[in-house]
């Protein structure tokens, strides 16, 4: 292999460039992991604190439930005789804007 490197002038620069790229990638990976491992980083907090991760999961579930309940309330409001006119007017305005 060393004989091929010494006899092939185009191979050596290519390998040198590959090694420089590998070194840069390694440096970038070190910087990235140090940022992730920083205790002030959100990702680090989520991965290192199971209690916080469960809290975030719970919050997302509660938001999804809340959105579903709001959709039910909206559907009920659209069928309410006091509010039906408002929603019909809004629907007509939206159709006009689409044209």
C-alpha atoms as a PDB file:
ATOM      1  CA  UNK A   1       0.000   0.000   0.000  1.00  0.00           C
ATOM      2  CA  UNK A   2       2.828   2.381   0.843  1.00  0.00           C
ATOM      3  CA  UNK A   3       4.407   1.696  -2.509  1.00  0.00           C
ATOM      4  CA  UNK A   4       1.142   2.664  -4.210  1.00  0.00           C
ATOM      5  CA  UNK A   5       1.028   5.920  -2.217  1.00  0.00           C
ATOM      6  CA  UNK A   6       4.556   6.842  -3.148  1.00  0.00           C
ATOM      7  CA  UNK A   7       4.118   5.972  -6.821  1.00  0.00           C
ATOM      8  CA  UNK A   8       0.672   7.552  -7.313  1.00  0.00           C
ATOM      9  CA  UNK A   9       0.832  11.353  -7.070  1.00  0.00           C
ATOM     10  CA  UNK A  10      -2.943  11.835  -7.182  1.00  0.00           C
ATOM     11  CA  UNK A  11      -3.719   9.362  -4.382  1.00  0.00           C
ATOM     12  CA  UNK A  12      -1.735  11.080  -1.620  1.00  0.00           C
ATOM     13  CA  UNK A  13      -3.569  14.446  -1.833  1.00  0.00           C
ATOM     14  CA  UNK A  14      -6.885  12.626  -1.892  1.00  0.00           C
ATOM     15  CA  UNK A  15      -6.046  10.702   1.266  1.00  0.00           C
ATOM     16  CA  UNK A  16      -4.753  13.874   2.905  1.00  0.00           C
ATOM     17  CA  UNK A  17      -8.011  15.671   2.091  1.00  0.00           C
ATOM     18  CA  UNK A  18     -10.009  12.724   3.459  1.00  0.00           C
ATOM     19  CA  UNK A  19      -8.020  12.814   6.698  1.00  0.00           C
ATOM     20  CA  UNK A  20      -8.573  16.593   7.063  1.00  0.00           C
ATOM     21  CA  UNK A  21     -12.308  16.092   6.536  1.00  0.00           C
ATOM     22  CA  UNK A  22     -12.344  13.281   9.079  1.00  0.00           C
ATOM     23  CA  UNK A  23     -10.533  15.474  11.596  1.00  0.00           C
ATOM     24  CA  UNK A  24     -12.977  18.334  11.021  1.00  0.00           C
ATOM     25  CA  UNK A  25     -15.944  15.963  11.399  1.00  0.00           C
ATOM     26  CA  UNK A  26     -14.461  14.661  14.622  1.00  0.00           C
ATOM     27  CA  UNK A  27     -14.037  18.227  15.942  1.00  0.00           C
ATOM     28  CA  UNK A  28     -17.613  19.064  14.956  1.00  0.00           C
ATOM     29  CA  UNK A  29     -18.883  15.959  16.733  1.00  0.00           C
ATOM     30  CA  UNK A  30     -16.970  16.907  19.882  1.00  0.00           C
ATOM     31  CA  UNK A  31     -18.513  20.398  19.829  1.00  0.00           C
ATOM     32  CA  UNK A  32     -21.984  18.974  19.223  1.00  0.00           C
ATOM     33  CA  UNK A  33     -21.780  16.454  22.055  1.00  0.00           C
ATOM     34  CA  UNK A  34     -20.397  19.045  24.461  1.00  0.00           C
ATOM     35  CA  UNK A  35     -23.353  21.305  23.671  1.00  0.00           C
ATOM     36  CA  UNK A  36     -25.792  18.447  24.236  1.00  0.00           C
ATOM     37  CA  UNK A  37     -24.134  17.494  27.514  1.00  0.00           C
ATOM     38  CA  UNK A  38     -24.356  21.060  28.815  1.00  0.00           C
ATOM     39  CA  UNK A  39     -26.771  21.010  31.779  1.00  0.00           C
ATOM     40  CA  UNK A  40     -28.419  24.224  30.601  1.00  0.00           C
ATOM     41  CA  UNK A  41     -29.381  22.674  27.264  1.00  0.00           C
ATOM     42  CA  UNK A  42     -33.041  21.626  26.907  1.00  0.00           C
ATOM     43  CA  UNK A  43     -32.141  18.391  25.160  1.00  0.00           C
ATOM     44  CA  UNK A  44     -29.736  17.503  27.959  1.00  0.00           C
ATOM     45  CA  UNK A  45     -32.385  18.247  30.560  1.00  0.00           C
ATOM     46  CA  UNK A  46     -34.905  16.050  28.774  1.00  0.00           C
ATOM     47  CA  UNK A  47     -32.533  13.134  28.333  1.00  0.00           C
ATOM     48  CA  UNK A  48     -30.941  13.286  31.774  1.00  0.00           C
ATOM     49  CA  UNK A  49     -34.033  14.010  33.845  1.00  0.00           C
ATOM     50  CA  UNK A  50     -36.693  11.291  33.460  1.00  0.00           C
ATOM     51  CA  UNK A  51     -39.108  13.251  35.653  1.00  0.00           C
ATOM     52  CA  UNK A  52     -38.949  16.242  33.298  1.00  0.00           C
ATOM     53  CA  UNK A  53     -39.420  13.966  30.272  1.00  0.00           C
ATOM     54  CA  UNK A  54     -42.557  12.457  31.824  1.00  0.00           C
ATOM     55  CA  UNK A  55     -43.821  15.935  32.650  1.00  0.00           C
ATOM     56  CA  UNK A  56     -43.383  17.052  29.049  1.00  0.00           C
ATOM     57  CA  UNK A  57     -45.163  13.900  27.821  1.00  0.00           C
ATOM     58  CA  UNK A  58     -48.009  14.580  30.240  1.00  0.00           C
ATOM     59  CA  UNK A  59     -48.243  18.186  29.091  1.00  0.00           C
ATOM     60  CA  UNK A  60     -48.463  17.118  25.444  1.00  0.00           C
ATOM     61  CA  UNK A  61     -51.222  14.626  26.267  1.00  0.00           C
ATOM     62  CA  UNK A  62     -53.137  17.328  28.151  1.00  0.00           C
ATOM     63  CA  UNK A  63     -52.773  19.747  25.238  1.00  0.00           C
ATOM     64  CA  UNK A  64     -54.106  17.104  22.843  1.00  0.00           C
ATOM     65  CA  UNK A  65     -57.095  16.522  25.134  1.00  0.00           C
ATOM     66  CA  UNK A  66     -57.690  20.268  25.399  1.00  0.00           C
ATOM     67  CA  UNK A  67     -57.630  20.696  21.626  1.00  0.00           C
ATOM     68  CA  UNK A  68     -60.140  17.867  21.251  1.00  0.00           C
ATOM     69  CA  UNK A  69     -62.425  19.463  23.828  1.00  0.00           C
ATOM     70  CA  UNK A  70     -62.144  22.850  22.097  1.00  0.00           C
ATOM     71  CA  UNK A  71     -63.164  21.226  18.811  1.00  0.00           C
ATOM     72  CA  UNK A  72     -66.220  19.748  20.522  1.00  0.00           C
ATOM     73  CA  UNK A  73     -67.115  23.157  21.959  1.00  0.00           C
ATOM     74  CA  UNK A  74     -66.683  24.752  18.535  1.00  0.00           C
ATOM     75  CA  UNK A  75     -68.951  22.142  16.940  1.00  0.00           C
ATOM     76  CA  UNK A  76     -71.572  22.718  19.639  1.00  0.00           C
ATOM     77  CA  UNK A  77     -71.322  26.490  19.189  1.00  0.00           C
ATOM     78  CA  UNK A  78     -71.812  26.169  15.439  1.00  0.00           C
ATOM     79  CA  UNK A  79     -75.073  24.311  16.083  1.00  0.00           C
ATOM     80  CA  UNK A  80     -76.285  26.732  18.749  1.00  0.00           C
ATOM     81  CA  UNK A  81     -79.152  28.833  17.403  1.00  0.00           C
ATOM     82  CA  UNK A  82     -77.752  32.011  18.998  1.00  0.00           C
ATOM     83  CA  UNK A  83     -74.354  31.624  17.337  1.00  0.00           C
ATOM     84  CA  UNK A  84     -75.337  29.903  14.078  1.00  0.00           C
ATOM     85  CA  UNK A  85     -75.775  33.241  12.273  1.00  0.00           C
ATOM     86  CA  UNK A  86     -72.258  34.323  13.174  1.00  0.00           C
ATOM     87  CA  UNK A  87     -70.711  31.119  11.828  1.00  0.00           C
ATOM     88  CA  UNK A  88     -72.843  31.230   8.655  1.00  0.00           C
ATOM     89  CA  UNK A  89     -71.770  34.843   8.043  1.00  0.00           C
ATOM     90  CA  UNK A  90     -68.126  33.931   8.586  1.00  0.00           C
ATOM     91  CA  UNK A  91     -68.459  30.961   6.205  1.00  0.00           C
ATOM     92  CA  UNK A  92     -69.930  33.206   3.480  1.00  0.00           C
ATOM     93  CA  UNK A  93     -67.100  35.742   3.936  1.00  0.00           C
ATOM     94  CA  UNK A  94     -64.513  32.972   3.582  1.00  0.00           C
ATOM     95  CA  UNK A  95     -66.189  31.721   0.401  1.00  0.00           C
ATOM     96  CA  UNK A  96     -66.169  35.265  -1.033  1.00  0.00           C
ATOM     97  CA  UNK A  97     -62.455  35.620  -0.289  1.00  0.00           C
ATOM     98  CA  UNK A  98     -61.695  32.324  -2.019  1.00  0.00           C
ATOM     99  CA  UNK A  99     -63.333  33.545  -5.226  1.00  0.00           C
END
